[in-house]
Amino acid sequence: GGDDESWDAGALTGLDVPILQALCLTSPRAAWEENDEGVSPLDAATQIAVPEFDGRLITVPFSFKEIDEDGLPAYVADAERAARVAGIAVRHAKLRHIPNAEKRIALVLSAYPTKHSRIGNAVGLDTPASAVALLRRLRAEGYDFGPEADIPGLVSGDGDELIYALIEAGGHD
């Protein structure tokens, strides 16, 4: 707790550690378990979408809004779910001690609806160019993708070359 005026989220940047977002859902655990949608639109917006914009890594729900014996709503942590969040935190902490060349990573590009013209679609973002820039940065930081020439667009810096290679490799058009 504390004074909102004194909170400085920017101070966390200096720690050079990933910030994990554990979810405190606004519904009881039983309702969450029965919900095929996963989380409510409110929880999706406030605990997933907005924190992702801040750069936080989303984990899993660990606390649920239950009704106590007095009929009042109260957040209740669930031991099994809290242990899951703790496990995620420990695994992220261990990553710092693994050489980048030994880490396994994936770059996931959306394609919704599933058309070649939608691969990596993002409003206001040149996804192909950003993907190539990200791959170049990762390579510079020691991540191993194999020979540079094996990744379309990496040598030339042409994001479209990467997308055309993905389409050629298979797709849903």
N, C-alpha and C. Protein backbone atom coordinates (compact mmCIF):
# COMPACT_ATOMS: atom_id res chain seq x y z
N GLY A 1 0.84 -1.18 0.00
CA GLY A 1 0.00 0.00 0.00
C GLY A 1 0.87 1.23 0.00
N GLY A 2 0.24 2.33 -0.03
CA GLY A 2 0.99 3.56 0.02
C GLY A 2 0.30 4.67 -0.72
N ASP A 3 0.97 5.76 -0.72
CA ASP A 3 0.47 6.98 -1.34
C ASP A 3 0.70 6.91 -2.85
N ASP A 4 -0.38 6.98 -3.63
CA ASP A 4 -0.24 6.91 -5.08
C ASP A 4 0.65 8.03 -5.63
N GLU A 5 0.68 9.16 -4.96
CA GLU A 5 1.50 10.28 -5.43
C GLU A 5 2.99 9.97 -5.33
N SER A 6 3.38 9.08 -4.41
CA SER A 6 4.80 8.79 -4.23
C SER A 6 5.26 7.59 -5.06
N TRP A 7 4.34 6.87 -5.67
CA TRP A 7 4.69 5.68 -6.45
C TRP A 7 5.33 6.09 -7.77
N ASP A 8 6.48 5.54 -8.07
CA ASP A 8 7.18 5.84 -9.31
C ASP A 8 7.51 4.52 -10.01
N ALA A 9 6.65 4.13 -10.94
CA ALA A 9 6.88 2.88 -11.67
C ALA A 9 8.18 2.92 -12.45
N GLY A 10 8.62 4.11 -12.85
CA GLY A 10 9.87 4.25 -13.58
C GLY A 10 11.08 3.78 -12.79
N ALA A 11 10.99 3.81 -11.46
CA ALA A 11 12.10 3.36 -10.63
C ALA A 11 12.38 1.87 -10.85
N LEU A 12 11.38 1.12 -11.28
CA LEU A 12 11.57 -0.30 -11.52
C LEU A 12 12.48 -0.56 -12.72
N THR A 13 12.50 0.36 -13.66
CA THR A 13 13.33 0.21 -14.86
C THR A 13 14.80 0.07 -14.49
N GLY A 14 15.24 0.81 -13.51
CA GLY A 14 16.63 0.77 -13.10
C GLY A 14 17.06 -0.55 -12.50
N LEU A 15 16.12 -1.39 -12.11
CA LEU A 15 16.45 -2.69 -11.53
C LEU A 15 16.93 -3.70 -12.57
N ASP A 16 16.61 -3.44 -13.85
CA ASP A 16 17.01 -4.32 -14.94
C ASP A 16 16.55 -5.76 -14.71
N VAL A 17 15.30 -5.91 -14.31
CA VAL A 17 14.70 -7.23 -14.13
C VAL A 17 13.32 -7.22 -14.78
N PRO A 18 12.84 -8.38 -15.21
CA PRO A 18 11.49 -8.41 -15.76
C PRO A 18 10.47 -8.14 -14.65
N ILE A 19 9.43 -7.42 -14.99
CA ILE A 19 8.35 -7.15 -14.04
C ILE A 19 7.19 -8.07 -14.41
N LEU A 20 6.82 -8.93 -13.48
CA LEU A 20 5.76 -9.90 -13.71
C LEU A 20 4.44 -9.37 -13.18
N GLN A 21 3.38 -9.58 -13.94
CA GLN A 21 2.04 -9.17 -13.54
C GLN A 21 1.27 -10.43 -13.15
N ALA A 22 1.04 -10.60 -11.84
CA ALA A 22 0.20 -11.68 -11.35
C ALA A 22 -1.23 -11.15 -11.29
N LEU A 23 -2.19 -11.96 -11.68
CA LEU A 23 -3.55 -11.48 -11.85
C LEU A 23 -4.41 -11.70 -10.60
N CYS A 24 -5.04 -10.62 -10.15
CA CYS A 24 -6.03 -10.65 -9.07
C CYS A 24 -7.39 -10.46 -9.73
N LEU A 25 -8.09 -11.54 -9.99
CA LEU A 25 -9.33 -11.46 -10.75
C LEU A 25 -10.47 -10.90 -9.92
N THR A 26 -11.39 -10.26 -10.61
CA THR A 26 -12.55 -9.64 -9.95
C THR A 26 -13.72 -10.62 -9.83
N SER A 27 -13.45 -11.89 -10.04
CA SER A 27 -14.49 -12.91 -9.90
C SER A 27 -14.00 -14.01 -8.95
N PRO A 28 -14.93 -14.80 -8.40
CA PRO A 28 -14.52 -15.94 -7.56
C PRO A 28 -13.79 -17.00 -8.40
N ARG A 29 -12.97 -17.80 -7.74
CA ARG A 29 -12.23 -18.83 -8.47
C ARG A 29 -13.18 -19.78 -9.19
N ALA A 30 -14.27 -20.17 -8.55
CA ALA A 30 -15.21 -21.11 -9.17
C ALA A 30 -15.75 -20.54 -10.48
N ALA A 31 -16.06 -19.27 -10.51
CA ALA A 31 -16.58 -18.64 -11.73
C ALA A 31 -15.49 -18.62 -12.81
N TRP A 32 -14.26 -18.35 -12.41
CA TRP A 32 -13.15 -18.34 -13.36
C TRP A 32 -12.94 -19.73 -13.97
N GLU A 33 -13.00 -20.77 -13.12
CA GLU A 33 -12.80 -22.13 -13.62
C GLU A 33 -13.89 -22.54 -14.61
N GLU A 34 -15.11 -22.07 -14.41
CA GLU A 34 -16.24 -22.44 -15.27
C GLU A 34 -16.32 -21.58 -16.53
N ASN A 35 -15.60 -20.47 -16.57
CA ASN A 35 -15.70 -19.52 -17.67
C ASN A 35 -14.82 -19.94 -18.85
N ASP A 36 -15.45 -20.29 -19.96
CA ASP A 36 -14.69 -20.67 -21.16
C ASP A 36 -13.92 -19.50 -21.75
N GLU A 37 -14.31 -18.28 -21.42
CA GLU A 37 -13.65 -17.08 -21.94
C GLU A 37 -12.33 -16.81 -21.22
N GLY A 38 -12.12 -17.38 -20.06
CA GLY A 38 -10.90 -17.13 -19.28
C GLY A 38 -11.10 -16.04 -18.26
N VAL A 39 -10.93 -14.80 -18.66
CA VAL A 39 -11.09 -13.68 -17.73
C VAL A 39 -12.15 -12.73 -18.27
N SER A 40 -12.68 -11.91 -17.39
CA SER A 40 -13.70 -10.94 -17.79
C SER A 40 -13.06 -9.85 -18.66
N PRO A 41 -13.87 -9.14 -19.43
CA PRO A 41 -13.33 -8.03 -20.22
C PRO A 41 -12.63 -6.98 -19.35
N LEU A 42 -13.17 -6.72 -18.16
CA LEU A 42 -12.54 -5.75 -17.25
C LEU A 42 -11.15 -6.24 -16.84
N ASP A 43 -11.06 -7.50 -16.43
CA ASP A 43 -9.76 -8.05 -16.03
C ASP A 43 -8.80 -8.10 -17.22
N ALA A 44 -9.31 -8.44 -18.39
CA ALA A 44 -8.45 -8.49 -19.58
C ALA A 44 -7.85 -7.12 -19.87
N ALA A 45 -8.66 -6.08 -19.73
CA ALA A 45 -8.18 -4.73 -20.01
C ALA A 45 -7.21 -4.24 -18.94
N THR A 46 -7.63 -4.34 -17.67
CA THR A 46 -6.85 -3.72 -16.59
C THR A 46 -5.67 -4.54 -16.11
N GLN A 47 -5.74 -5.86 -16.27
CA GLN A 47 -4.68 -6.70 -15.71
C GLN A 47 -3.83 -7.41 -16.76
N ILE A 48 -4.25 -7.29 -18.03
CA ILE A 48 -3.47 -7.93 -19.09
C ILE A 48 -3.05 -6.90 -20.13
N ALA A 49 -4.01 -6.26 -20.79
CA ALA A 49 -3.69 -5.35 -21.89
C ALA A 49 -2.86 -4.15 -21.43
N VAL A 50 -3.34 -3.42 -20.44
CA VAL A 50 -2.61 -2.22 -19.99
C VAL A 50 -1.24 -2.58 -19.41
N PRO A 51 -1.12 -3.59 -18.55
CA PRO A 51 0.22 -3.95 -18.07
C PRO A 51 1.17 -4.37 -19.19
N GLU A 52 0.65 -5.03 -20.23
CA GLU A 52 1.53 -5.38 -21.35
C GLU A 52 2.07 -4.13 -22.03
N PHE A 53 1.23 -3.09 -22.17
CA PHE A 53 1.72 -1.83 -22.75
C PHE A 53 2.83 -1.24 -21.89
N ASP A 54 2.78 -1.46 -20.58
CA ASP A 54 3.82 -0.98 -19.68
C ASP A 54 5.08 -1.84 -19.73
N GLY A 55 5.02 -2.96 -20.45
CA GLY A 55 6.18 -3.84 -20.55
C GLY A 55 6.20 -4.98 -19.56
N ARG A 56 5.14 -5.14 -18.79
CA ARG A 56 5.10 -6.23 -17.82
C ARG A 56 4.83 -7.57 -18.51
N LEU A 57 5.31 -8.63 -17.91
CA LEU A 57 5.08 -9.98 -18.41
C LEU A 57 3.89 -10.56 -17.65
N ILE A 58 2.89 -11.00 -18.37
CA ILE A 58 1.67 -11.49 -17.75
C ILE A 58 1.87 -12.93 -17.30
N THR A 59 1.46 -13.23 -16.07
CA THR A 59 1.59 -14.59 -15.55
C THR A 59 0.21 -15.25 -15.55
N VAL A 60 -0.28 -15.60 -14.38
CA VAL A 60 -1.56 -16.31 -14.25
C VAL A 60 -2.35 -15.73 -13.09
N PRO A 61 -3.66 -16.01 -13.04
CA PRO A 61 -4.45 -15.58 -11.88
C PRO A 61 -3.98 -16.29 -10.62
N PHE A 62 -3.87 -15.56 -9.53
CA PHE A 62 -3.49 -16.17 -8.26
C PHE A 62 -4.40 -15.73 -7.12
N SER A 63 -5.22 -14.74 -7.36
CA SER A 63 -6.10 -14.21 -6.32
C SER A 63 -7.47 -13.98 -6.94
N PHE A 64 -8.49 -14.25 -6.15
CA PHE A 64 -9.86 -14.17 -6.65
C PHE A 64 -10.72 -13.40 -5.67
N LYS A 65 -11.70 -12.70 -6.20
CA LYS A 65 -12.60 -11.91 -5.36
C LYS A 65 -13.73 -12.82 -4.88
N GLU A 66 -13.67 -13.14 -3.61
CA GLU A 66 -14.66 -14.03 -2.98
C GLU A 66 -15.52 -13.21 -2.03
N ILE A 67 -16.63 -13.77 -1.62
CA ILE A 67 -17.49 -13.14 -0.62
C ILE A 67 -17.17 -13.78 0.73
N ASP A 68 -16.80 -12.96 1.71
CA ASP A 68 -16.43 -13.50 3.02
C ASP A 68 -17.68 -13.81 3.85
N GLU A 69 -17.44 -14.28 5.07
CA GLU A 69 -18.55 -14.70 5.94
C GLU A 69 -19.47 -13.55 6.32
N ASP A 70 -19.02 -12.33 6.19
CA ASP A 70 -19.86 -11.16 6.47
C ASP A 70 -20.58 -10.66 5.22
N GLY A 71 -20.41 -11.38 4.11
CA GLY A 71 -21.06 -10.98 2.87
C GLY A 71 -20.33 -9.88 2.12
N LEU A 72 -19.09 -9.63 2.51
CA LEU A 72 -18.30 -8.57 1.88
C LEU A 72 -17.30 -9.17 0.89
N PRO A 73 -17.07 -8.48 -0.21
CA PRO A 73 -16.08 -8.99 -1.16
C PRO A 73 -14.66 -8.79 -0.62
N ALA A 74 -13.83 -9.79 -0.84
CA ALA A 74 -12.44 -9.72 -0.40
C ALA A 74 -11.59 -10.56 -1.35
N TYR A 75 -10.40 -10.06 -1.65
CA TYR A 75 -9.49 -10.83 -2.48
C TYR A 75 -8.85 -11.92 -1.63
N VAL A 76 -8.84 -13.14 -2.17
CA VAL A 76 -8.29 -14.28 -1.46
C VAL A 76 -7.25 -14.95 -2.37
N ALA A 77 -6.04 -15.03 -1.87
CA ALA A 77 -4.98 -15.69 -2.64
C ALA A 77 -5.21 -17.20 -2.60
N ASP A 78 -4.93 -17.85 -3.70
CA ASP A 78 -5.08 -19.29 -3.82
C ASP A 78 -3.67 -19.89 -3.80
N ALA A 79 -3.41 -20.80 -2.86
CA ALA A 79 -2.06 -21.32 -2.67
C ALA A 79 -1.50 -21.99 -3.93
N GLU A 80 -2.31 -22.79 -4.60
CA GLU A 80 -1.84 -23.49 -5.80
C GLU A 80 -1.47 -22.49 -6.89
N ARG A 81 -2.30 -21.47 -7.09
CA ARG A 81 -2.05 -20.47 -8.12
C ARG A 81 -0.87 -19.56 -7.74
N ALA A 82 -0.75 -19.23 -6.46
CA ALA A 82 0.37 -18.41 -5.99
C ALA A 82 1.69 -19.16 -6.22
N ALA A 83 1.67 -20.48 -5.99
CA ALA A 83 2.87 -21.28 -6.24
C ALA A 83 3.23 -21.26 -7.73
N ARG A 84 2.22 -21.24 -8.57
CA ARG A 84 2.46 -21.18 -10.02
C ARG A 84 3.14 -19.86 -10.39
N VAL A 85 2.65 -18.75 -9.83
CA VAL A 85 3.28 -17.44 -10.09
C VAL A 85 4.72 -17.45 -9.58
N ALA A 86 4.93 -18.00 -8.39
CA ALA A 86 6.29 -18.05 -7.84
C ALA A 86 7.21 -18.87 -8.74
N GLY A 87 6.71 -19.98 -9.27
CA GLY A 87 7.51 -20.80 -10.18
C GLY A 87 7.89 -20.04 -11.44
N ILE A 88 6.96 -19.28 -11.97
CA ILE A 88 7.24 -18.46 -13.15
C ILE A 88 8.33 -17.44 -12.82
N ALA A 89 8.23 -16.82 -11.65
CA ALA A 89 9.23 -15.82 -11.24
C ALA A 89 10.61 -16.46 -11.10
N VAL A 90 10.67 -17.63 -10.51
CA VAL A 90 11.96 -18.31 -10.34
C VAL A 90 12.57 -18.65 -11.69
N ARG A 91 11.76 -19.15 -12.61
CA ARG A 91 12.29 -19.49 -13.94
C ARG A 91 12.79 -18.25 -14.68
N HIS A 92 12.10 -17.14 -14.53
CA HIS A 92 12.58 -15.90 -15.16
C HIS A 92 13.90 -15.46 -14.52
N ALA A 93 14.02 -15.60 -13.21
CA ALA A 93 15.26 -15.22 -12.52
C ALA A 93 16.43 -16.09 -12.99
N LYS A 94 16.18 -17.37 -13.23
CA LYS A 94 17.24 -18.27 -13.68
C LYS A 94 17.74 -17.93 -15.09
N LEU A 95 16.88 -17.33 -15.90
CA LEU A 95 17.28 -17.00 -17.27
C LEU A 95 18.50 -16.08 -17.33
N ARG A 96 18.66 -15.22 -16.32
CA ARG A 96 19.78 -14.29 -16.30
C ARG A 96 21.12 -15.03 -16.28
N HIS A 97 21.11 -16.26 -15.78
CA HIS A 97 22.35 -17.02 -15.61
C HIS A 97 22.59 -18.01 -16.75
N ILE A 98 21.74 -18.00 -17.75
CA ILE A 98 21.91 -18.87 -18.92
C ILE A 98 22.46 -18.02 -20.06
N PRO A 99 23.56 -18.44 -20.68
CA PRO A 99 24.09 -17.67 -21.81
C PRO A 99 23.03 -17.53 -22.91
N ASN A 100 22.98 -16.36 -23.53
CA ASN A 100 21.97 -16.12 -24.56
C ASN A 100 22.00 -17.17 -25.66
N ALA A 101 23.18 -17.62 -26.03
CA ALA A 101 23.30 -18.61 -27.11
C ALA A 101 22.61 -19.93 -26.76
N GLU A 102 22.39 -20.18 -25.47
CA GLU A 102 21.76 -21.42 -25.04
C GLU A 102 20.25 -21.27 -24.79
N LYS A 103 19.75 -20.05 -24.86
CA LYS A 103 18.32 -19.83 -24.62
C LYS A 103 17.53 -20.18 -25.87
N ARG A 104 16.35 -20.72 -25.66
CA ARG A 104 15.45 -21.04 -26.77
C ARG A 104 14.33 -20.00 -26.75
N ILE A 105 14.18 -19.30 -27.86
CA ILE A 105 13.17 -18.25 -27.94
C ILE A 105 12.31 -18.47 -29.19
N ALA A 106 11.17 -17.81 -29.20
CA ALA A 106 10.29 -17.87 -30.37
C ALA A 106 9.79 -16.46 -30.66
N LEU A 107 9.69 -16.15 -31.92
CA LEU A 107 9.10 -14.89 -32.37
C LEU A 107 7.77 -15.27 -33.01
N VAL A 108 6.68 -14.85 -32.39
CA VAL A 108 5.34 -15.23 -32.84
C VAL A 108 4.70 -14.03 -33.53
N LEU A 109 4.27 -14.25 -34.77
CA LEU A 109 3.58 -13.22 -35.53
C LEU A 109 2.13 -13.65 -35.71
N SER A 110 1.21 -12.77 -35.38
CA SER A 110 -0.20 -13.09 -35.57
C SER A 110 -0.55 -13.04 -37.05
N ALA A 111 -1.65 -13.68 -37.39
CA ALA A 111 -2.16 -13.63 -38.77
C ALA A 111 -3.68 -13.78 -38.68
N TYR A 112 -4.34 -12.76 -38.19
CA TYR A 112 -5.80 -12.83 -38.05
C TYR A 112 -6.45 -11.71 -38.83
N PRO A 113 -7.44 -11.99 -39.64
CA PRO A 113 -7.83 -13.36 -40.01
C PRO A 113 -6.72 -14.03 -40.81
N THR A 114 -6.78 -15.33 -40.90
CA THR A 114 -5.68 -16.09 -41.47
C THR A 114 -5.56 -15.89 -42.97
N LYS A 115 -4.85 -14.83 -43.32
CA LYS A 115 -4.55 -14.50 -44.72
C LYS A 115 -3.09 -14.08 -44.79
N HIS A 116 -2.49 -14.33 -45.91
CA HIS A 116 -1.09 -13.92 -46.08
C HIS A 116 -0.90 -12.42 -45.85
N SER A 117 -1.88 -11.64 -46.26
CA SER A 117 -1.77 -10.18 -46.12
C SER A 117 -1.85 -9.73 -44.67
N ARG A 118 -2.19 -10.63 -43.74
CA ARG A 118 -2.34 -10.26 -42.34
C ARG A 118 -1.19 -10.77 -41.46
N ILE A 119 -0.20 -11.40 -42.03
CA ILE A 119 0.91 -11.92 -41.22
C ILE A 119 1.59 -10.77 -40.50
N GLY A 120 1.63 -10.86 -39.19
CA GLY A 120 2.26 -9.84 -38.38
C GLY A 120 1.51 -8.52 -38.34
N ASN A 121 0.25 -8.53 -38.70
CA ASN A 121 -0.53 -7.29 -38.75
C ASN A 121 -0.57 -6.62 -37.38
N ALA A 122 -0.28 -5.35 -37.35
CA ALA A 122 -0.36 -4.55 -36.12
C ALA A 122 -0.59 -3.10 -36.55
N VAL A 123 -1.54 -2.47 -35.92
CA VAL A 123 -1.88 -1.10 -36.28
C VAL A 123 -0.72 -0.17 -35.95
N GLY A 124 -0.26 0.57 -36.94
CA GLY A 124 0.77 1.58 -36.73
C GLY A 124 2.18 1.03 -36.55
N LEU A 125 2.38 -0.24 -36.83
CA LEU A 125 3.69 -0.85 -36.65
C LEU A 125 4.10 -1.55 -37.94
N ASP A 126 5.32 -1.33 -38.37
CA ASP A 126 5.85 -2.06 -39.52
C ASP A 126 6.44 -3.35 -38.97
N THR A 127 5.57 -4.35 -38.81
CA THR A 127 5.98 -5.60 -38.18
C THR A 127 7.14 -6.28 -38.90
N PRO A 128 7.14 -6.39 -40.22
CA PRO A 128 8.28 -7.05 -40.87
C PRO A 128 9.62 -6.36 -40.54
N ALA A 129 9.66 -5.05 -40.63
CA ALA A 129 10.90 -4.32 -40.32
C ALA A 129 11.25 -4.47 -38.84
N SER A 130 10.24 -4.43 -37.98
CA SER A 130 10.48 -4.58 -36.54
C SER A 130 11.00 -5.97 -36.22
N ALA A 131 10.45 -6.99 -36.89
CA ALA A 131 10.90 -8.36 -36.65
C ALA A 131 12.37 -8.52 -37.04
N VAL A 132 12.75 -7.98 -38.18
CA VAL A 132 14.15 -8.06 -38.61
C VAL A 132 15.05 -7.28 -37.65
N ALA A 133 14.61 -6.10 -37.23
CA ALA A 133 15.40 -5.31 -36.27
C ALA A 133 15.56 -6.07 -34.95
N LEU A 134 14.49 -6.72 -34.50
CA LEU A 134 14.56 -7.51 -33.27
C LEU A 134 15.52 -8.68 -33.43
N LEU A 135 15.43 -9.39 -34.53
CA LEU A 135 16.34 -10.52 -34.77
C LEU A 135 17.80 -10.06 -34.83
N ARG A 136 18.05 -8.92 -35.46
CA ARG A 136 19.42 -8.38 -35.51
C ARG A 136 19.92 -8.03 -34.11
N ARG A 137 19.07 -7.43 -33.32
CA ARG A 137 19.45 -7.06 -31.95
C ARG A 137 19.73 -8.31 -31.12
N LEU A 138 18.87 -9.30 -31.24
CA LEU A 138 19.09 -10.55 -30.50
C LEU A 138 20.40 -11.21 -30.91
N ARG A 139 20.68 -11.23 -32.20
CA ARG A 139 21.95 -11.80 -32.68
C ARG A 139 23.13 -11.03 -32.09
N ALA A 140 23.04 -9.71 -32.07
CA ALA A 140 24.12 -8.87 -31.52
C ALA A 140 24.32 -9.14 -30.03
N GLU A 141 23.26 -9.58 -29.36
CA GLU A 141 23.35 -9.87 -27.93
C GLU A 141 23.68 -11.33 -27.65
N GLY A 142 24.06 -12.07 -28.69
CA GLY A 142 24.57 -13.42 -28.49
C GLY A 142 23.59 -14.56 -28.71
N TYR A 143 22.39 -14.27 -29.14
CA TYR A 143 21.44 -15.36 -29.43
C TYR A 143 21.86 -16.04 -30.72
N ASP A 144 21.75 -17.36 -30.75
CA ASP A 144 22.22 -18.14 -31.89
C ASP A 144 21.04 -18.66 -32.70
N PHE A 145 20.91 -18.19 -33.93
CA PHE A 145 19.86 -18.64 -34.85
C PHE A 145 20.45 -19.48 -35.98
N GLY A 146 21.71 -19.82 -35.89
CA GLY A 146 22.35 -20.50 -37.00
C GLY A 146 22.94 -19.47 -37.95
N PRO A 147 23.31 -19.91 -39.15
CA PRO A 147 23.93 -18.98 -40.12
C PRO A 147 23.01 -17.81 -40.45
N GLU A 148 23.59 -16.63 -40.48
CA GLU A 148 22.83 -15.40 -40.75
C GLU A 148 22.09 -15.47 -42.08
N ALA A 149 22.71 -16.06 -43.08
CA ALA A 149 22.11 -16.13 -44.41
C ALA A 149 20.89 -17.05 -44.45
N ASP A 150 20.71 -17.88 -43.42
CA ASP A 150 19.55 -18.79 -43.38
C ASP A 150 18.27 -18.10 -42.95
N ILE A 151 18.35 -16.88 -42.47
CA ILE A 151 17.16 -16.15 -42.03
C ILE A 151 16.87 -15.05 -43.05
N PRO A 152 15.82 -15.23 -43.84
CA PRO A 152 15.51 -14.24 -44.87
C PRO A 152 15.33 -12.84 -44.28
N GLY A 153 15.97 -11.88 -44.92
CA GLY A 153 15.85 -10.49 -44.50
C GLY A 153 16.87 -10.06 -43.47
N LEU A 154 17.55 -10.99 -42.83
CA LEU A 154 18.49 -10.61 -41.77
C LEU A 154 19.71 -9.90 -42.35
N VAL A 155 20.26 -10.40 -43.43
CA VAL A 155 21.43 -9.77 -44.04
C VAL A 155 21.03 -8.47 -44.73
N SER A 156 19.95 -8.51 -45.49
CA SER A 156 19.54 -7.34 -46.27
C SER A 156 18.82 -6.28 -45.44
N GLY A 157 18.27 -6.69 -44.30
CA GLY A 157 17.47 -5.75 -43.50
C GLY A 157 16.07 -5.55 -44.06
N ASP A 158 15.67 -6.39 -44.99
CA ASP A 158 14.38 -6.27 -45.66
C ASP A 158 13.34 -7.15 -44.98
N GLY A 159 12.43 -6.53 -44.25
CA GLY A 159 11.39 -7.26 -43.55
C GLY A 159 10.44 -7.98 -44.49
N ASP A 160 10.20 -7.39 -45.65
CA ASP A 160 9.32 -8.05 -46.62
C ASP A 160 9.90 -9.39 -47.07
N GLU A 161 11.21 -9.45 -47.17
CA GLU A 161 11.87 -10.71 -47.55
C GLU A 161 11.54 -11.80 -46.52
N LEU A 162 11.53 -11.43 -45.25
CA LEU A 162 11.17 -12.37 -44.19
C LEU A 162 9.73 -12.84 -44.34
N ILE A 163 8.80 -11.92 -44.57
CA ILE A 163 7.39 -12.27 -44.69
C ILE A 163 7.15 -13.16 -45.91
N TYR A 164 7.77 -12.83 -47.04
CA TYR A 164 7.60 -13.66 -48.24
C TYR A 164 8.12 -15.08 -48.00
N ALA A 165 9.21 -15.20 -47.24
CA ALA A 165 9.74 -16.53 -46.93
C ALA A 165 8.77 -17.30 -46.03
N LEU A 166 8.14 -16.61 -45.09
CA LEU A 166 7.14 -17.27 -44.23
C LEU A 166 5.96 -17.76 -45.07
N ILE A 167 5.51 -16.93 -46.00
CA ILE A 167 4.40 -17.32 -46.88
C ILE A 167 4.80 -18.53 -47.72
N GLU A 168 6.01 -18.49 -48.25
CA GLU A 168 6.49 -19.59 -49.09
C GLU A 168 6.58 -20.90 -48.29
N ALA A 169 6.89 -20.79 -47.01
CA ALA A 169 7.04 -21.97 -46.15
C ALA A 169 5.70 -22.62 -45.83
N GLY A 170 4.62 -21.92 -46.02
CA GLY A 170 3.29 -22.48 -45.75
C GLY A 170 2.41 -21.45 -45.09
N GLY A 171 1.14 -21.57 -45.31
CA GLY A 171 0.22 -20.59 -44.73
C GLY A 171 -1.22 -20.96 -45.00
N HIS A 172 -2.10 -20.04 -44.74
CA HIS A 172 -3.54 -20.30 -44.81
C HIS A 172 -4.25 -19.34 -45.74
N ASP A 173 -3.81 -19.15 -46.95
CA ASP A 173 -4.52 -18.23 -47.83
C ASP A 173 -5.43 -18.99 -48.77
